[in-house]
All heavy atoms as atom14 arrays in JSON, in Angstrom:
{
  "sequence": "QKYDYPPETILSHSFYMRKKEEFYRFYRDKMLY",
  "atom14_mask": [
    [1, 1, 1, 1, 1, 1, 1, 1, 1, 0, 0, 0, 0, 0],
    [1, 1, 1, 1, 1, 1, 1, 1, 1, 0, 0, 0, 0, 0],
    [1, 1, 1, 1, 1, 1, 1, 1, 1, 1, 1, 1, 0, 0],
    [1, 1, 1, 1, 1, 1, 1, 1, 0, 0, 0, 0, 0, 0],
    [1, 1, 1, 1, 1, 1, 1, 1, 1, 1, 1, 1, 0, 0],
    [1, 1, 1, 1, 1, 1, 1, 0, 0, 0, 0, 0, 0, 0],
    [1, 1, 1, 1, 1, 1, 1, 0, 0, 0, 0, 0, 0, 0],
    [1, 1, 1, 1, 1, 1, 1, 1, 1, 0, 0, 0, 0, 0],
    [1, 1, 1, 1, 1, 1, 1, 0, 0, 0, 0, 0, 0, 0],
    [1, 1, 1, 1, 1, 1, 1, 1, 0, 0, 0, 0, 0, 0],
    [1, 1, 1, 1, 1, 1, 1, 1, 0, 0, 0, 0, 0, 0],
    [1, 1, 1, 1, 1, 1, 0, 0, 0, 0, 0, 0, 0, 0],
    [1, 1, 1, 1, 1, 1, 1, 1, 1, 1, 0, 0, 0, 0],
    [1, 1, 1, 1, 1, 1, 0, 0, 0, 0, 0, 0, 0, 0],
    [1, 1, 1, 1, 1, 1, 1, 1, 1, 1, 1, 0, 0, 0],
    [1, 1, 1, 1, 1, 1, 1, 1, 1, 1, 1, 1, 0, 0],
    [1, 1, 1, 1, 1, 1, 1, 1, 0, 0, 0, 0, 0, 0],
    [1, 1, 1, 1, 1, 1, 1, 1, 1, 1, 1, 0, 0, 0],
    [1, 1, 1, 1, 1, 1, 1, 1, 1, 0, 0, 0, 0, 0],
    [1, 1, 1, 1, 1, 1, 1, 1, 1, 0, 0, 0, 0, 0],
    [1, 1, 1, 1, 1, 1, 1, 1, 1, 0, 0, 0, 0, 0],
    [1, 1, 1, 1, 1, 1, 1, 1, 1, 0, 0, 0, 0, 0],
    [1, 1, 1, 1, 1, 1, 1, 1, 1, 1, 1, 0, 0, 0],
    [1, 1, 1, 1, 1, 1, 1, 1, 1, 1, 1, 1, 0, 0],
    [1, 1, 1, 1, 1, 1, 1, 1, 1, 1, 1, 0, 0, 0],
    [1, 1, 1, 1, 1, 1, 1, 1, 1, 1, 1, 0, 0, 0],
    [1, 1, 1, 1, 1, 1, 1, 1, 1, 1, 1, 1, 0, 0],
    [1, 1, 1, 1, 1, 1, 1, 1, 1, 1, 1, 0, 0, 0],
    [1, 1, 1, 1, 1, 1, 1, 1, 0, 0, 0, 0, 0, 0],
    [1, 1, 1, 1, 1, 1, 1, 1, 1, 0, 0, 0, 0, 0],
    [1, 1, 1, 1, 1, 1, 1, 1, 0, 0, 0, 0, 0, 0],
    [1, 1, 1, 1, 1, 1, 1, 1, 0, 0, 0, 0, 0, 0],
    [1, 1, 1, 1, 1, 1, 1, 1, 1, 1, 1, 1, 0, 0]
  ],
  "atom14_positions": [
    [[118.89, 131.1, 75.0], [118.29, 129.78, 75.18], [117.65, 129.73, 76.57], [117.92, 130.56, 77.42], [119.35, 128.7, 75.02], [119.95, 128.71, 73.61], [121.09, 127.72, 73.47], [121.25, 126.83, 74.3], [121.88, 127.88, 72.43], [0.0, 0.0, 0.0], [0.0, 0.0, 0.0], [0.0, 0.0, 0.0], [0.0, 0.0, 0.0], [0.0, 0.0, 0.0]],
    [[116.83, 128.73, 76.78], [116.05, 128.71, 78.03], [116.6, 127.7, 79.06], [116.74, 126.53, 78.77], [114.59, 128.38, 77.72], [113.91, 129.43, 76.84], [113.64, 130.72, 77.63], [113.01, 131.77, 76.76], [113.97, 132.55, 75.99], [0.0, 0.0, 0.0], [0.0, 0.0, 0.0], [0.0, 0.0, 0.0], [0.0, 0.0, 0.0], [0.0, 0.0, 0.0]],
    [[116.9, 128.22, 80.24], [117.31, 127.37, 81.37], [116.54, 127.85, 82.6], [115.89, 128.89, 82.55], [118.82, 127.49, 81.61], [119.63, 126.97, 80.46], [120.05, 127.83, 79.45], [119.93, 125.61, 80.34], [120.75, 127.36, 78.36], [120.62, 125.13, 79.25], [121.04, 126.01, 78.26], [121.73, 125.54, 77.18], [0.0, 0.0, 0.0], [0.0, 0.0, 0.0]],
    [[116.65, 127.11, 83.67], [115.98, 127.52, 84.92], [116.54, 128.85, 85.41], [115.86, 129.61, 86.08], [116.16, 126.45, 86.0], [115.36, 125.2, 85.67], [114.48, 125.29, 84.78], [115.62, 124.15, 86.27], [0.0, 0.0, 0.0], [0.0, 0.0, 0.0], [0.0, 0.0, 0.0], [0.0, 0.0, 0.0], [0.0, 0.0, 0.0], [0.0, 0.0, 0.0]],
    [[117.81, 129.09, 85.11], [118.46, 130.34, 85.49], [119.16, 130.9, 84.25], [119.56, 130.15, 83.37], [119.53, 130.1, 86.57], [119.01, 129.43, 87.81], [118.97, 128.03, 87.9], [118.57, 130.17, 88.9], [118.5, 127.4, 89.05], [118.11, 129.55, 90.06], [118.07, 128.16, 90.12], [117.61, 127.55, 91.26], [0.0, 0.0, 0.0], [0.0, 0.0, 0.0]],
    [[119.36, 132.22, 84.2], [120.12, 132.77, 83.07], [121.57, 132.29, 83.14], [122.1, 132.1, 84.24], [120.05, 134.28, 83.27], [119.12, 134.51, 84.4], [118.93, 133.23, 85.13], [0.0, 0.0, 0.0], [0.0, 0.0, 0.0], [0.0, 0.0, 0.0], [0.0, 0.0, 0.0], [0.0, 0.0, 0.0], [0.0, 0.0, 0.0], [0.0, 0.0, 0.0]],
    [[122.24, 132.11, 81.98], [123.63, 131.66, 81.99], [124.55, 132.55, 82.84], [125.44, 132.04, 83.51], [124.03, 131.73, 80.51], [122.76, 131.51, 79.78], [121.7, 132.18, 80.61], [0.0, 0.0, 0.0], [0.0, 0.0, 0.0], [0.0, 0.0, 0.0], [0.0, 0.0, 0.0], [0.0, 0.0, 0.0], [0.0, 0.0, 0.0], [0.0, 0.0, 0.0]],
    [[124.3, 133.89, 82.85], [125.15, 134.77, 83.67], [125.09, 134.37, 85.14], [126.06, 134.47, 85.86], [124.72, 136.24, 83.58], [124.71, 136.82, 82.2], [123.31, 136.86, 81.62], [122.59, 135.84, 81.72], [122.95, 137.9, 81.06], [0.0, 0.0, 0.0], [0.0, 0.0, 0.0], [0.0, 0.0, 0.0], [0.0, 0.0, 0.0], [0.0, 0.0, 0.0]],
    [[123.89, 133.95, 85.57], [123.71, 133.55, 86.97], [124.42, 132.22, 87.24], [125.17, 132.08, 88.21], [122.21, 133.41, 87.3], [121.57, 134.65, 87.02], [122.0, 133.03, 88.75], [0.0, 0.0, 0.0], [0.0, 0.0, 0.0], [0.0, 0.0, 0.0], [0.0, 0.0, 0.0], [0.0, 0.0, 0.0], [0.0, 0.0, 0.0], [0.0, 0.0, 0.0]],
    [[124.19, 131.25, 86.34], [124.8, 129.92, 86.53], [126.32, 130.01, 86.54], [126.99, 129.32, 87.3], [124.33, 128.96, 85.41], [122.82, 128.78, 85.45], [125.03, 127.59, 85.55], [122.25, 127.97, 84.29], [0.0, 0.0, 0.0], [0.0, 0.0, 0.0], [0.0, 0.0, 0.0], [0.0, 0.0, 0.0], [0.0, 0.0, 0.0], [0.0, 0.0, 0.0]],
    [[126.86, 130.89, 85.67], [128.32, 130.98, 85.56], [128.91, 132.03, 86.5], [129.93, 132.65, 86.22], [128.7, 131.31, 84.11], [128.34, 130.21, 83.11], [128.58, 130.67, 81.68], [129.12, 128.93, 83.39], [0.0, 0.0, 0.0], [0.0, 0.0, 0.0], [0.0, 0.0, 0.0], [0.0, 0.0, 0.0], [0.0, 0.0, 0.0], [0.0, 0.0, 0.0]],
    [[128.26, 132.22, 87.65], [128.78, 133.16, 88.65], [129.39, 132.39, 89.81], [129.07, 131.22, 90.05], [127.65, 134.05, 89.16], [126.72, 133.29, 89.92], [0.0, 0.0, 0.0], [0.0, 0.0, 0.0], [0.0, 0.0, 0.0], [0.0, 0.0, 0.0], [0.0, 0.0, 0.0], [0.0, 0.0, 0.0], [0.0, 0.0, 0.0], [0.0, 0.0, 0.0]],
    [[130.29, 133.06, 90.5], [130.97, 132.42, 91.63], [129.98, 132.03, 92.72], [130.05, 130.93, 93.27], [132.02, 133.4, 92.2], [132.72, 132.86, 93.41], [133.77, 131.97, 93.31], [132.51, 133.06, 94.74], [134.18, 131.66, 94.53], [133.43, 132.3, 95.4], [0.0, 0.0, 0.0], [0.0, 0.0, 0.0], [0.0, 0.0, 0.0], [0.0, 0.0, 0.0]],
    [[129.02, 132.92, 93.01], [128.09, 132.62, 94.1], [127.19, 131.42, 93.76], [126.89, 130.6, 94.62], [127.25, 133.85, 94.46], [126.71, 134.45, 93.32], [0.0, 0.0, 0.0], [0.0, 0.0, 0.0], [0.0, 0.0, 0.0], [0.0, 0.0, 0.0], [0.0, 0.0, 0.0], [0.0, 0.0, 0.0], [0.0, 0.0, 0.0], [0.0, 0.0, 0.0]],
    [[126.78, 131.32, 92.48], [125.96, 130.18, 92.07], [126.78, 128.89, 92.16], [126.29, 127.86, 92.63], [125.45, 130.39, 90.63], [124.4, 129.38, 90.21], [123.05, 129.64, 90.38], [124.78, 128.16, 89.64], [122.09, 128.71, 89.99], [123.82, 127.22, 89.26], [122.47, 127.5, 89.44], [0.0, 0.0, 0.0], [0.0, 0.0, 0.0], [0.0, 0.0, 0.0]],
    [[128.03, 128.97, 91.71], [128.92, 127.81, 91.79], [129.03, 127.32, 93.24], [128.99, 126.12, 93.51], [130.3, 128.15, 91.24], [131.33, 127.08, 91.5], [131.38, 125.93, 90.7], [132.23, 127.18, 92.56], [132.3, 124.92, 90.96], [133.15, 126.17, 92.82], [133.18, 125.05, 92.02], [134.08, 124.06, 92.29], [0.0, 0.0, 0.0], [0.0, 0.0, 0.0]],
    [[129.18, 128.26, 94.17], [129.33, 127.88, 95.58], [128.02, 127.3, 96.14], [128.04, 126.39, 96.96], [129.74, 129.11, 96.42], [131.09, 129.69, 96.05], [132.44, 128.48, 96.11], [132.63, 128.28, 97.88], [0.0, 0.0, 0.0], [0.0, 0.0, 0.0], [0.0, 0.0, 0.0], [0.0, 0.0, 0.0], [0.0, 0.0, 0.0], [0.0, 0.0, 0.0]],
    [[126.89, 127.82, 95.65], [125.58, 127.42, 96.2], [125.0, 126.17, 95.57], [124.41, 125.33, 96.23], [124.57, 128.57, 95.98], [124.44, 129.55, 97.09], [123.2, 130.45, 96.99], [122.5, 130.45, 95.73], [122.71, 131.34, 94.76], [123.65, 132.25, 94.9], [121.98, 131.3, 93.66], [0.0, 0.0, 0.0], [0.0, 0.0, 0.0], [0.0, 0.0, 0.0]],
    [[125.15, 126.05, 94.24], [124.46, 124.98, 93.51], [125.43, 124.31, 92.54], [125.27, 124.39, 91.32], [123.27, 125.54, 92.74], [122.15, 126.12, 93.6], [121.05, 126.7, 92.72], [119.9, 127.23, 93.52], [118.98, 126.18, 94.0], [0.0, 0.0, 0.0], [0.0, 0.0, 0.0], [0.0, 0.0, 0.0], [0.0, 0.0, 0.0], [0.0, 0.0, 0.0]],
    [[126.43, 123.64, 93.08], [127.49, 123.07, 92.24], [126.96, 122.05, 91.24], [127.41, 122.0, 90.1], [128.57, 122.42, 93.12], [129.56, 123.43, 93.65], [130.74, 122.76, 94.31], [131.57, 123.84, 94.98], [132.3, 123.39, 96.13], [0.0, 0.0, 0.0], [0.0, 0.0, 0.0], [0.0, 0.0, 0.0], [0.0, 0.0, 0.0], [0.0, 0.0, 0.0]],
    [[126.01, 121.26, 91.66], [125.52, 120.21, 90.77], [124.83, 120.82, 89.54], [125.05, 120.42, 88.41], [124.56, 119.28, 91.52], [124.36, 117.97, 90.78], [124.0, 116.81, 91.7], [124.27, 116.89, 92.93], [123.46, 115.84, 91.19], [0.0, 0.0, 0.0], [0.0, 0.0, 0.0], [0.0, 0.0, 0.0], [0.0, 0.0, 0.0], [0.0, 0.0, 0.0]],
    [[124.03, 121.85, 89.8], [123.33, 122.56, 88.72], [124.35, 123.26, 87.81], [124.24, 123.25, 86.59], [122.38, 123.6, 89.34], [121.54, 124.37, 88.36], [120.31, 123.6, 87.9], [120.05, 122.5, 88.42], [119.63, 124.11, 87.01], [0.0, 0.0, 0.0], [0.0, 0.0, 0.0], [0.0, 0.0, 0.0], [0.0, 0.0, 0.0], [0.0, 0.0, 0.0]],
    [[125.37, 123.85, 88.43], [126.45, 124.51, 87.67], [127.09, 123.52, 86.71], [127.27, 123.8, 85.53], [127.51, 125.06, 88.64], [128.78, 125.53, 87.96], [128.92, 126.83, 87.52], [129.84, 124.64, 87.76], [130.09, 127.25, 86.88], [131.01, 125.05, 87.11], [131.13, 126.37, 86.68], [0.0, 0.0, 0.0], [0.0, 0.0, 0.0], [0.0, 0.0, 0.0]],
    [[127.43, 122.35, 87.22], [128.13, 121.36, 86.39], [127.25, 120.75, 85.31], [127.74, 120.37, 84.25], [128.77, 120.27, 87.26], [130.17, 120.66, 87.65], [130.5, 120.97, 88.96], [131.17, 120.75, 86.68], [131.79, 121.35, 89.3], [132.45, 121.13, 87.01], [132.76, 121.43, 88.32], [134.02, 121.82, 88.64], [0.0, 0.0, 0.0], [0.0, 0.0, 0.0]],
    [[125.94, 120.68, 85.56], [125.04, 120.2, 84.51], [125.11, 121.13, 83.31], [125.26, 120.7, 82.17], [123.6, 120.13, 85.04], [123.04, 118.72, 85.08], [121.53, 118.66, 85.06], [120.88, 119.59, 85.95], [120.63, 119.35, 87.25], [121.02, 118.22, 87.8], [119.99, 120.23, 87.98], [0.0, 0.0, 0.0], [0.0, 0.0, 0.0], [0.0, 0.0, 0.0]],
    [[125.04, 122.43, 83.58], [125.11, 123.43, 82.52], [126.51, 123.45, 81.89], [126.66, 123.5, 80.67], [124.78, 124.81, 83.1], [124.88, 125.94, 82.1], [123.8, 126.29, 81.31], [126.06, 126.64, 81.94], [123.89, 127.32, 80.38], [126.17, 127.66, 81.02], [125.08, 128.01, 80.24], [0.0, 0.0, 0.0], [0.0, 0.0, 0.0], [0.0, 0.0, 0.0]],
    [[127.51, 123.39, 82.74], [128.91, 123.49, 82.29], [129.27, 122.36, 81.31], [129.85, 122.6, 80.26], [129.82, 123.46, 83.52], [131.29, 123.67, 83.2], [131.81, 124.94, 83.01], [132.16, 122.57, 83.13], [133.16, 125.12, 82.72], [133.5, 122.74, 82.86], [134.0, 124.02, 82.66], [135.33, 124.2, 82.37], [0.0, 0.0, 0.0], [0.0, 0.0, 0.0]],
    [[128.9, 121.13, 81.68], [129.19, 119.99, 80.78], [128.43, 120.13, 79.46], [128.95, 119.83, 78.4], [128.79, 118.66, 81.44], [129.72, 118.2, 82.51], [129.35, 116.8, 82.98], [130.04, 116.5, 84.23], [129.52, 116.7, 85.44], [128.28, 117.18, 85.56], [130.21, 116.43, 86.52], [0.0, 0.0, 0.0], [0.0, 0.0, 0.0], [0.0, 0.0, 0.0]],
    [[127.19, 120.58, 79.58], [126.31, 120.64, 78.42], [126.68, 121.77, 77.46], [126.62, 121.62, 76.24], [124.87, 120.84, 78.93], [123.85, 120.72, 77.82], [124.11, 119.97, 76.87], [122.79, 121.37, 77.92], [0.0, 0.0, 0.0], [0.0, 0.0, 0.0], [0.0, 0.0, 0.0], [0.0, 0.0, 0.0], [0.0, 0.0, 0.0], [0.0, 0.0, 0.0]],
    [[127.08, 122.93, 78.02], [127.2, 124.13, 77.2], [128.59, 124.76, 77.13], [128.8, 125.69, 76.35], [126.21, 125.2, 77.72], [124.76, 124.82, 77.51], [124.41, 124.8, 76.04], [123.04, 124.24, 75.76], [122.82, 123.99, 74.34], [0.0, 0.0, 0.0], [0.0, 0.0, 0.0], [0.0, 0.0, 0.0], [0.0, 0.0, 0.0], [0.0, 0.0, 0.0]],
    [[129.52, 124.29, 77.92], [130.84, 124.94, 77.94], [131.97, 124.04, 77.44], [133.05, 124.52, 77.14], [131.18, 125.42, 79.37], [130.13, 126.31, 80.0], [129.77, 127.81, 79.05], [131.25, 128.74, 79.34], [0.0, 0.0, 0.0], [0.0, 0.0, 0.0], [0.0, 0.0, 0.0], [0.0, 0.0, 0.0], [0.0, 0.0, 0.0], [0.0, 0.0, 0.0]],
    [[131.72, 122.75, 77.38], [132.78, 121.83, 76.98], [132.56, 121.33, 75.54], [131.75, 120.44, 75.31], [132.85, 120.63, 77.95], [133.26, 120.98, 79.38], [133.27, 119.73, 80.25], [134.63, 121.66, 79.43], [0.0, 0.0, 0.0], [0.0, 0.0, 0.0], [0.0, 0.0, 0.0], [0.0, 0.0, 0.0], [0.0, 0.0, 0.0], [0.0, 0.0, 0.0]],
    [[133.28, 121.94, 74.62], [133.2, 121.54, 73.21], [134.55, 120.93, 72.83], [135.35, 121.53, 72.12], [132.87, 122.75, 72.32], [131.45, 123.22, 72.49], [131.1, 124.1, 73.51], [130.44, 122.74, 71.66], [129.78, 124.5, 73.69], [129.12, 123.13, 71.83], [128.8, 124.02, 72.85], [127.5, 124.41, 73.01], [0.0, 0.0, 0.0], [0.0, 0.0, 0.0]]
  ]
}
């Protein structure tokens, strides 16, 4: 699927530390079922 960043990047520790808000947007949308 298409995002600004690949899911592997968004779900990485360094991305979480750098862009928490973006991480959580993806996390709520795609990881919480």
